Amino acid sequence: MSRISLLIALLLVCLTASAQESTTEWFLNANVNAYIPGGKSAKSVFPVLGYNRNTSPKLLLGGVGAGAFLWRPVSEDLHLKVYGTISKLSYWDDPVIITNGVGAYSGTLQNWSSDYVLGIGGIIHYNLANRLLVGAGLGTQTFLISLSRMPEMYGYGNPAEPSIAINRYYKRILPVVPFEIAYKMEKMLINLRYDLGLLNCLKGELGKNKSEKFGVITLEVGFKLK
């Protein structure tokens, strides 16, 4: 894993160094995203923005993020994009069956989690027509921290306050293959990207018994810096 990440990082450094010319354009961007659990995961998609009267808080804010990227023509039809983003990825966690003190079924609990990740990558885009481009490349997603919001629960008749738990079952760095479709304007670039995870993102004993592939759909809007 570390060798793959190092190779990708070295490649991005070389690509960035080669882009330090007058033709390079720099952008700041914001994104909304949706985590798409793969493999045999029982997790489900969390709304980017939604309302649920049965949760606390009732207003649900899902995946958002921000970042920057450079854009440079390589040839008449090819363009290089090197990007870095910090994003919050949210999802409904695996459902858990709740039982009472005598083992009888009391319901199913499904709380939600948010992963804070640093994404870096390089993509080569091909100009399809006019301002429309498609591309693919290589990248990594580094998990900074993963948090689960634990709801208010009742044990043996005593209420427990809602709390935040840290998830420690993800691998720190994951290689991904980004696929992207983009629309380029003079001072703005809009793109839709899907980051496909190549490996099981779970580690340790959990990773030996369960598989989950990393997958995220991201809609970004970039604004050109002067």
C-alpha atoms as a PDB file:
ATOM      1  CA  MET A   1       0.000   0.000   0.000  1.00  0.00           C
ATOM      2  CA  SER A   2       2.699   2.517   0.962  1.00  0.00           C
ATOM      3  CA  ARG A   3       4.631   1.793  -2.252  1.00  0.00           C
ATOM      4  CA  ILE A   4       1.557   2.495  -4.378  1.00  0.00           C
ATOM      5  CA  SER A   5       0.899   5.769  -2.537  1.00  0.00           C
ATOM      6  CA  LEU A   6       4.545   6.816  -2.882  1.00  0.00           C
ATOM      7  CA  LEU A   7       4.543   6.119  -6.628  1.00  0.00           C
ATOM      8  CA  ILE A   8       1.349   8.141  -7.106  1.00  0.00           C
ATOM      9  CA  ALA A   9       2.728  11.020  -5.024  1.00  0.00           C
ATOM     10  CA  LEU A  10       5.979  11.080  -7.028  1.00  0.00           C
ATOM     11  CA  LEU A  11       4.015  11.037 -10.277  1.00  0.00           C
ATOM     12  CA  LEU A  12       1.900  13.987  -9.166  1.00  0.00           C
ATOM     13  CA  VAL A  13       4.985  15.947  -8.099  1.00  0.00           C
ATOM     14  CA  CYS A  14       6.527  15.401 -11.543  1.00  0.00           C
ATOM     15  CA  LEU A  15       3.316  16.384 -13.299  1.00  0.00           C
ATOM     16  CA  THR A  16       2.946  19.502 -11.159  1.00  0.00           C
ATOM     17  CA  ALA A  17       6.556  20.531 -11.767  1.00  0.00           C
ATOM     18  CA  SER A  18       6.072  20.182 -15.519  1.00  0.00           C
ATOM     19  CA  ALA A  19       3.006  22.436 -15.339  1.00  0.00           C
ATOM     20  CA  GLN A  20       4.778  25.507 -13.949  1.00  0.00           C
ATOM     21  CA  GLU A  21       4.389  27.542 -17.132  1.00  0.00           C
ATOM     22  CA  SER A  22       2.335  30.505 -18.292  1.00  0.00           C
ATOM     23  CA  THR A  23      -0.283  28.190 -19.819  1.00  0.00           C
ATOM     24  CA  THR A  24      -1.178  26.754 -16.409  1.00  0.00           C
ATOM     25  CA  GLU A  25      -4.514  27.824 -14.906  1.00  0.00           C
ATOM     26  CA  TRP A  26      -5.232  27.587 -11.165  1.00  0.00           C
ATOM     27  CA  PHE A  27      -8.684  27.014  -9.687  1.00  0.00           C
ATOM     28  CA  LEU A  28     -10.323  26.919  -6.262  1.00  0.00           C
ATOM     29  CA  ASN A  29     -13.351  24.682  -6.003  1.00  0.00           C
ATOM     30  CA  ALA A  30     -16.184  23.500  -3.782  1.00  0.00           C
ATOM     31  CA  ASN A  31     -17.931  20.155  -3.978  1.00  0.00           C
ATOM     32  CA  VAL A  32     -20.871  18.073  -2.871  1.00  0.00           C
ATOM     33  CA  ASN A  33     -20.459  14.317  -2.813  1.00  0.00           C
ATOM     34  CA  ALA A  34     -22.140  10.995  -2.121  1.00  0.00           C
ATOM     35  CA  TYR A  35     -20.402   7.936  -0.675  1.00  0.00           C
ATOM     36  CA  ILE A  36     -21.393   4.816  -2.627  1.00  0.00           C
ATOM     37  CA  PRO A  37     -20.613   1.703  -0.551  1.00  0.00           C
ATOM     38  CA  GLY A  38     -19.322  -1.192  -2.652  1.00  0.00           C
ATOM     39  CA  GLY A  39     -18.413  -4.806  -2.117  1.00  0.00           C
ATOM     40  CA  LYS A  40     -20.670  -6.501   0.432  1.00  0.00           C
ATOM     41  CA  SER A  41     -21.239  -3.417   2.568  1.00  0.00           C
ATOM     42  CA  ALA A  42     -24.611  -2.944   4.276  1.00  0.00           C
ATOM     43  CA  LYS A  43     -24.120   0.834   4.456  1.00  0.00           C
ATOM     44  CA  SER A  44     -26.369   3.144   2.448  1.00  0.00           C
ATOM     45  CA  VAL A  45     -26.197   6.564   0.816  1.00  0.00           C
ATOM     46  CA  PHE A  46     -26.640   9.603   3.067  1.00  0.00           C
ATOM     47  CA  PRO A  47     -28.414  12.682   1.598  1.00  0.00           C
ATOM     48  CA  VAL A  48     -26.284  15.667   0.699  1.00  0.00           C
ATOM     49  CA  LEU A  49     -29.035  17.799   2.216  1.00  0.00           C
ATOM     50  CA  GLY A  50     -32.205  16.365   3.703  1.00  0.00           C
ATOM     51  CA  TYR A  51     -34.687  16.290   6.577  1.00  0.00           C
ATOM     52  CA  ASN A  52     -35.669  13.370   8.792  1.00  0.00           C
ATOM     53  CA  ARG A  53     -38.029  13.966  11.714  1.00  0.00           C
ATOM     54  CA  ASN A  54     -36.869  10.732  13.381  1.00  0.00           C
ATOM     55  CA  THR A  55     -33.237  11.817  13.737  1.00  0.00           C
ATOM     56  CA  SER A  56     -31.462  14.362  15.910  1.00  0.00           C
ATOM     57  CA  PRO A  57     -30.580  16.795  14.461  1.00  0.00           C
ATOM     58  CA  LYS A  58     -33.464  16.581  12.004  1.00  0.00           C
ATOM     59  CA  LEU A  59     -31.632  18.544   9.299  1.00  0.00           C
ATOM     60  CA  LEU A  60     -29.125  16.230   7.619  1.00  0.00           C
ATOM     61  CA  LEU A  61     -26.047  17.676   5.928  1.00  0.00           C
ATOM     62  CA  GLY A  62     -24.062  15.097   3.981  1.00  0.00           C
ATOM     63  CA  GLY A  63     -20.958  15.226   1.823  1.00  0.00           C
ATOM     64  CA  VAL A  64     -19.287  18.589   1.205  1.00  0.00           C
ATOM     65  CA  GLY A  65     -15.722  19.710   0.574  1.00  0.00           C
ATOM     66  CA  ALA A  66     -13.297  22.189  -0.944  1.00  0.00           C
ATOM     67  CA  GLY A  67      -9.981  22.129  -2.734  1.00  0.00           C
ATOM     68  CA  ALA A  68      -7.792  23.442  -5.536  1.00  0.00           C
ATOM     69  CA  PHE A  69      -6.438  22.194  -8.841  1.00  0.00           C
ATOM     70  CA  LEU A  70      -4.250  23.222 -11.747  1.00  0.00           C
ATOM     71  CA  TRP A  71      -5.214  22.860 -15.395  1.00  0.00           C
ATOM     72  CA  ARG A  72      -2.741  22.769 -18.252  1.00  0.00           C
ATOM     73  CA  PRO A  73      -2.990  21.821 -21.937  1.00  0.00           C
ATOM     74  CA  VAL A  74      -0.701  18.944 -22.911  1.00  0.00           C
ATOM     75  CA  SER A  75      -1.606  18.913 -26.610  1.00  0.00           C
ATOM     76  CA  GLU A  76      -4.417  20.179 -28.816  1.00  0.00           C
ATOM     77  CA  ASP A  77      -6.934  17.688 -27.384  1.00  0.00           C
ATOM     78  CA  LEU A  78      -5.334  16.594 -24.079  1.00  0.00           C
ATOM     79  CA  HIS A  79      -5.296  18.492 -20.771  1.00  0.00           C
ATOM     80  CA  LEU A  80      -3.731  17.699 -17.408  1.00  0.00           C
ATOM     81  CA  LYS A  81      -5.566  18.263 -14.134  1.00  0.00           C
ATOM     82  CA  VAL A  82      -3.749  17.872 -10.786  1.00  0.00           C
ATOM     83  CA  TYR A  83      -6.039  18.312  -7.775  1.00  0.00           C
ATOM     84  CA  GLY A  84      -6.190  18.243  -4.000  1.00  0.00           C
ATOM     85  CA  THR A  85      -9.373  18.232  -1.910  1.00  0.00           C
ATOM     86  CA  ILE A  86     -10.484  17.941   1.698  1.00  0.00           C
ATOM     87  CA  SER A  87     -13.965  16.462   1.948  1.00  0.00           C
ATOM     88  CA  LYS A  88     -16.492  15.138   4.415  1.00  0.00           C
ATOM     89  CA  LEU A  89     -18.069  11.885   3.215  1.00  0.00           C
ATOM     90  CA  SER A  90     -21.273  10.869   5.014  1.00  0.00           C
ATOM     91  CA  TYR A  91     -23.264   7.623   4.928  1.00  0.00           C
ATOM     92  CA  TRP A  92     -25.737   5.549   6.899  1.00  0.00           C
ATOM     93  CA  ASP A  93     -23.710   2.957   8.768  1.00  0.00           C
ATOM     94  CA  ASP A  94     -24.298  -0.799   8.956  1.00  0.00           C
ATOM     95  CA  PRO A  95     -27.635  -1.564  10.682  1.00  0.00           C
ATOM     96  CA  VAL A  96     -27.339  -3.087  14.154  1.00  0.00           C
ATOM     97  CA  ILE A  97     -30.000  -5.312  15.747  1.00  0.00           C
ATOM     98  CA  ILE A  98     -30.915  -4.167  19.284  1.00  0.00           C
ATOM     99  CA  THR A  99     -31.991  -6.646  21.947  1.00  0.00           C
ATOM    100  CA  ASN A 100     -33.257  -6.149  25.495  1.00  0.00           C
ATOM    101  CA  GLY A 101     -31.865  -7.595  28.726  1.00  0.00           C
ATOM    102  CA  VAL A 102     -33.319 -11.035  28.008  1.00  0.00           C
ATOM    103  CA  GLY A 103     -32.188 -11.134  24.371  1.00  0.00           C
ATOM    104  CA  ALA A 104     -35.544 -10.286  22.769  1.00  0.00           C
ATOM    105  CA  TYR A 105     -35.541  -8.199  19.591  1.00  0.00           C
ATOM    106  CA  SER A 106     -36.102  -4.487  20.328  1.00  0.00           C
ATOM    107  CA  GLY A 107     -35.522  -2.940  16.921  1.00  0.00           C
ATOM    108  CA  THR A 108     -32.824  -2.025  14.416  1.00  0.00           C
ATOM    109  CA  LEU A 109     -30.432   0.877  14.865  1.00  0.00           C
ATOM    110  CA  GLN A 110     -28.757   2.629  11.943  1.00  0.00           C
ATOM    111  CA  ASN A 111     -26.693   5.675  12.857  1.00  0.00           C
ATOM    112  CA  TRP A 112     -24.636   7.738  10.429  1.00  0.00           C
ATOM    113  CA  SER A 113     -20.918   8.338  10.046  1.00  0.00           C
ATOM    114  CA  SER A 114     -18.716  10.961   8.422  1.00  0.00           C
ATOM    115  CA  ASP A 115     -15.210  10.374   7.070  1.00  0.00           C
ATOM    116  CA  TYR A 116     -12.882  13.344   6.635  1.00  0.00           C
ATOM    117  CA  VAL A 117     -10.477  12.584   3.801  1.00  0.00           C
ATOM    118  CA  LEU A 118      -7.662  14.246   1.883  1.00  0.00           C
ATOM    119  CA  GLY A 119      -7.772  13.404  -1.814  1.00  0.00           C
ATOM    120  CA  ILE A 120      -4.978  14.012  -4.321  1.00  0.00           C
ATOM    121  CA  GLY A 121      -4.813  12.901  -7.929  1.00  0.00           C
ATOM    122  CA  GLY A 122      -3.871  13.544 -11.516  1.00  0.00           C
ATOM    123  CA  ILE A 123      -6.241  13.191 -14.476  1.00  0.00           C
ATOM    124  CA  ILE A 124      -5.638  13.396 -18.221  1.00  0.00           C
ATOM    125  CA  HIS A 125      -8.671  14.875 -20.020  1.00  0.00           C
ATOM    126  CA  TYR A 126      -9.579  14.413 -23.673  1.00  0.00           C
ATOM    127  CA  ASN A 127     -11.523  17.134 -25.471  1.00  0.00           C
ATOM    128  CA  LEU A 128     -14.696  15.513 -26.849  1.00  0.00           C
ATOM    129  CA  ALA A 129     -16.383  18.561 -28.344  1.00  0.00           C
ATOM    130  CA  ASN A 130     -16.126  22.284 -27.726  1.00  0.00           C
ATOM    131  CA  ARG A 131     -15.892  22.628 -23.933  1.00  0.00           C
ATOM    132  CA  LEU A 132     -16.815  19.048 -22.992  1.00  0.00           C
ATOM    133  CA  LEU A 133     -14.016  16.752 -21.787  1.00  0.00           C
ATOM    134  CA  VAL A 134     -13.652  13.265 -20.301  1.00  0.00           C
ATOM    135  CA  GLY A 135     -10.711  11.913 -18.366  1.00  0.00           C
ATOM    136  CA  ALA A 136      -9.209   9.275 -16.090  1.00  0.00           C
ATOM    137  CA  GLY A 137      -6.132   9.073 -13.898  1.00  0.00           C
ATOM    138  CA  LEU A 138      -4.689   7.944 -10.585  1.00  0.00           C
ATOM    139  CA  GLY A 139      -5.058   9.228  -7.048  1.00  0.00           C
ATOM    140  CA  THR A 140      -5.176   8.455  -3.336  1.00  0.00           C
ATOM    141  CA  GLN A 141      -7.651   9.080  -0.537  1.00  0.00           C
ATOM    142  CA  THR A 142      -6.139   9.569   2.931  1.00  0.00           C
ATOM    143  CA  PHE A 143      -8.492   9.108   5.890  1.00  0.00           C
ATOM    144  CA  LEU A 144      -7.858  11.907   8.398  1.00  0.00           C
ATOM    145  CA  ILE A 145     -10.576  10.836  10.862  1.00  0.00           C
ATOM    146  CA  SER A 146     -13.849   8.916  10.773  1.00  0.00           C
ATOM    147  CA  LEU A 147     -16.670   9.759  13.201  1.00  0.00           C
ATOM    148  CA  SER A 148     -19.981   8.054  14.008  1.00  0.00           C
ATOM    149  CA  ARG A 149     -22.880   9.896  15.588  1.00  0.00           C
ATOM    150  CA  MET A 150     -24.358   7.554  18.189  1.00  0.00           C
ATOM    151  CA  PRO A 151     -28.042   8.291  18.885  1.00  0.00           C
ATOM    152  CA  GLU A 152     -29.715   8.477  22.276  1.00  0.00           C
ATOM    153  CA  MET A 153     -30.260   4.936  23.571  1.00  0.00           C
ATOM    154  CA  TYR A 154     -31.879   3.319  26.578  1.00  0.00           C
ATOM    155  CA  GLY A 155     -30.166   0.555  28.517  1.00  0.00           C
ATOM    156  CA  TYR A 156     -31.846  -1.154  31.470  1.00  0.00           C
ATOM    157  CA  GLY A 157     -34.304   1.726  31.690  1.00  0.00           C
ATOM    158  CA  ASN A 158     -31.621   4.435  31.856  1.00  0.00           C
ATOM    159  CA  PRO A 159     -31.261   6.914  28.957  1.00  0.00           C
ATOM    160  CA  ALA A 160     -27.810   7.458  27.452  1.00  0.00           C
ATOM    161  CA  GLU A 161     -26.877  10.772  25.871  1.00  0.00           C
ATOM    162  CA  PRO A 162     -26.043  10.967  22.145  1.00  0.00           C
ATOM    163  CA  SER A 163     -22.296  10.789  21.556  1.00  0.00           C
ATOM    164  CA  ILE A 164     -19.610  10.782  18.882  1.00  0.00           C
ATOM    165  CA  ALA A 165     -17.404   7.706  18.404  1.00  0.00           C
ATOM    166  CA  ILE A 166     -14.162   7.445  16.400  1.00  0.00           C
ATOM    167  CA  ASN A 167     -14.045   4.660  13.807  1.00  0.00           C
ATOM    168  CA  ARG A 168     -10.657   2.956  13.648  1.00  0.00           C
ATOM    169  CA  TYR A 169     -11.361   0.157  11.171  1.00  0.00           C
ATOM    170  CA  TYR A 170     -10.367   1.937   7.913  1.00  0.00           C
ATOM    171  CA  LYS A 171      -6.992   1.764   6.207  1.00  0.00           C
ATOM    172  CA  ARG A 172      -5.237   5.127   6.331  1.00  0.00           C
ATOM    173  CA  ILE A 173      -4.406   5.488   2.600  1.00  0.00           C
ATOM    174  CA  LEU A 174      -6.284   4.004  -0.345  1.00  0.00           C
ATOM    175  CA  PRO A 175      -5.365   4.137  -4.058  1.00  0.00           C
ATOM    176  CA  VAL A 176      -8.231   5.182  -6.350  1.00  0.00           C
ATOM    177  CA  VAL A 177      -8.881   5.547 -10.064  1.00  0.00           C
ATOM    178  CA  PRO A 178     -10.770   8.807 -10.783  1.00  0.00           C
ATOM    179  CA  PHE A 179     -13.073   9.000 -13.815  1.00  0.00           C
ATOM    180  CA  GLU A 180     -14.279  12.470 -14.723  1.00  0.00           C
ATOM    181  CA  ILE A 181     -16.470  14.379 -17.149  1.00  0.00           C
ATOM    182  CA  ALA A 182     -15.911  18.141 -17.231  1.00  0.00           C
ATOM    183  CA  TYR A 183     -17.280  21.294 -18.821  1.00  0.00           C
ATOM    184  CA  LYS A 184     -14.666  24.038 -19.204  1.00  0.00           C
ATOM    185  CA  MET A 185     -15.514  27.728 -19.451  1.00  0.00           C
ATOM    186  CA  GLU A 186     -13.204  30.725 -19.507  1.00  0.00           C
ATOM    187  CA  LYS A 187     -13.246  31.305 -15.745  1.00  0.00           C
ATOM    188  CA  MET A 188     -15.070  28.248 -14.433  1.00  0.00           C
ATOM    189  CA  LEU A 189     -14.845  24.459 -14.654  1.00  0.00           C
ATOM    190  CA  ILE A 190     -17.656  22.112 -13.635  1.00  0.00           C
ATOM    191  CA  ASN A 191     -16.921  18.412 -13.309  1.00  0.00           C
ATOM    192  CA  LEU A 192     -18.522  15.191 -12.153  1.00  0.00           C
ATOM    193  CA  ARG A 193     -16.018  12.627 -10.845  1.00  0.00           C
ATOM    194  CA  TYR A 194     -16.267   9.057  -9.620  1.00  0.00           C
ATOM    195  CA  ASP A 195     -13.394   7.779  -7.469  1.00  0.00           C
ATOM    196  CA  LEU A 196     -13.166   4.003  -7.718  1.00  0.00           C
ATOM    197  CA  GLY A 197     -11.376   2.282  -4.847  1.00  0.00           C
ATOM    198  CA  LEU A 198      -9.024  -0.526  -5.846  1.00  0.00           C
ATOM    199  CA  LEU A 199      -8.694  -2.339  -2.505  1.00  0.00           C
ATOM    200  CA  ASN A 200     -10.752  -3.326   0.510  1.00  0.00           C
ATOM    201  CA  CYS A 201     -10.859  -0.213   2.707  1.00  0.00           C
ATOM    202  CA  LEU A 202     -11.355  -2.237   5.923  1.00  0.00           C
ATOM    203  CA  LYS A 203      -8.336  -3.416   7.898  1.00  0.00           C
ATOM    204  CA  GLY A 204      -7.457  -5.909  10.623  1.00  0.00           C
ATOM    205  CA  GLU A 205      -9.752  -8.779  11.556  1.00  0.00           C
ATOM    206  CA  LEU A 206     -12.759  -6.921  10.138  1.00  0.00           C
ATOM    207  CA  GLY A 207     -11.055  -6.690   6.748  1.00  0.00           C
ATOM    208  CA  LYS A 208     -10.443 -10.451   6.740  1.00  0.00           C
ATOM    209  CA  ASN A 209     -14.144 -11.201   7.201  1.00  0.00           C
ATOM    210  CA  LYS A 210     -15.756  -8.363   5.281  1.00  0.00           C
ATOM    211  CA  SER A 211     -15.097  -6.457   2.069  1.00  0.00           C
ATOM    212  CA  GLU A 212     -15.972  -2.855   1.307  1.00  0.00           C
ATOM    213  CA  LYS A 213     -14.697  -0.928  -1.700  1.00  0.00           C
ATOM    214  CA  PHE A 214     -14.269   2.844  -1.585  1.00  0.00           C
ATOM    215  CA  GLY A 215     -16.482   4.715  -4.095  1.00  0.00           C
ATOM    216  CA  VAL A 216     -17.458   8.393  -4.147  1.00  0.00           C
ATOM    217  CA  ILE A 217     -19.391  10.504  -6.673  1.00  0.00           C
ATOM    218  CA  THR A 218     -18.364  14.173  -6.517  1.00  0.00           C
ATOM    219  CA  LEU A 219     -19.821  17.241  -8.220  1.00  0.00           C
ATOM    220  CA  GLU A 220     -17.305  20.109  -8.226  1.00  0.00           C
ATOM    221  CA  VAL A 221     -17.446  23.732  -9.313  1.00  0.00           C
ATOM    222  CA  GLY A 222     -14.049  25.404  -9.799  1.00  0.00           C
ATOM    223  CA  PHE A 223     -13.406  29.132 -10.098  1.00  0.00           C
ATOM    224  CA  LYS A 224     -10.301  30.373 -11.905  1.00  0.00           C
ATOM    225  CA  LEU A 225      -7.856  32.510  -9.958  1.00  0.00           C
ATOM    226  CA  LYS A 226      -6.638  35.711 -11.604  1.00  0.00           C
END
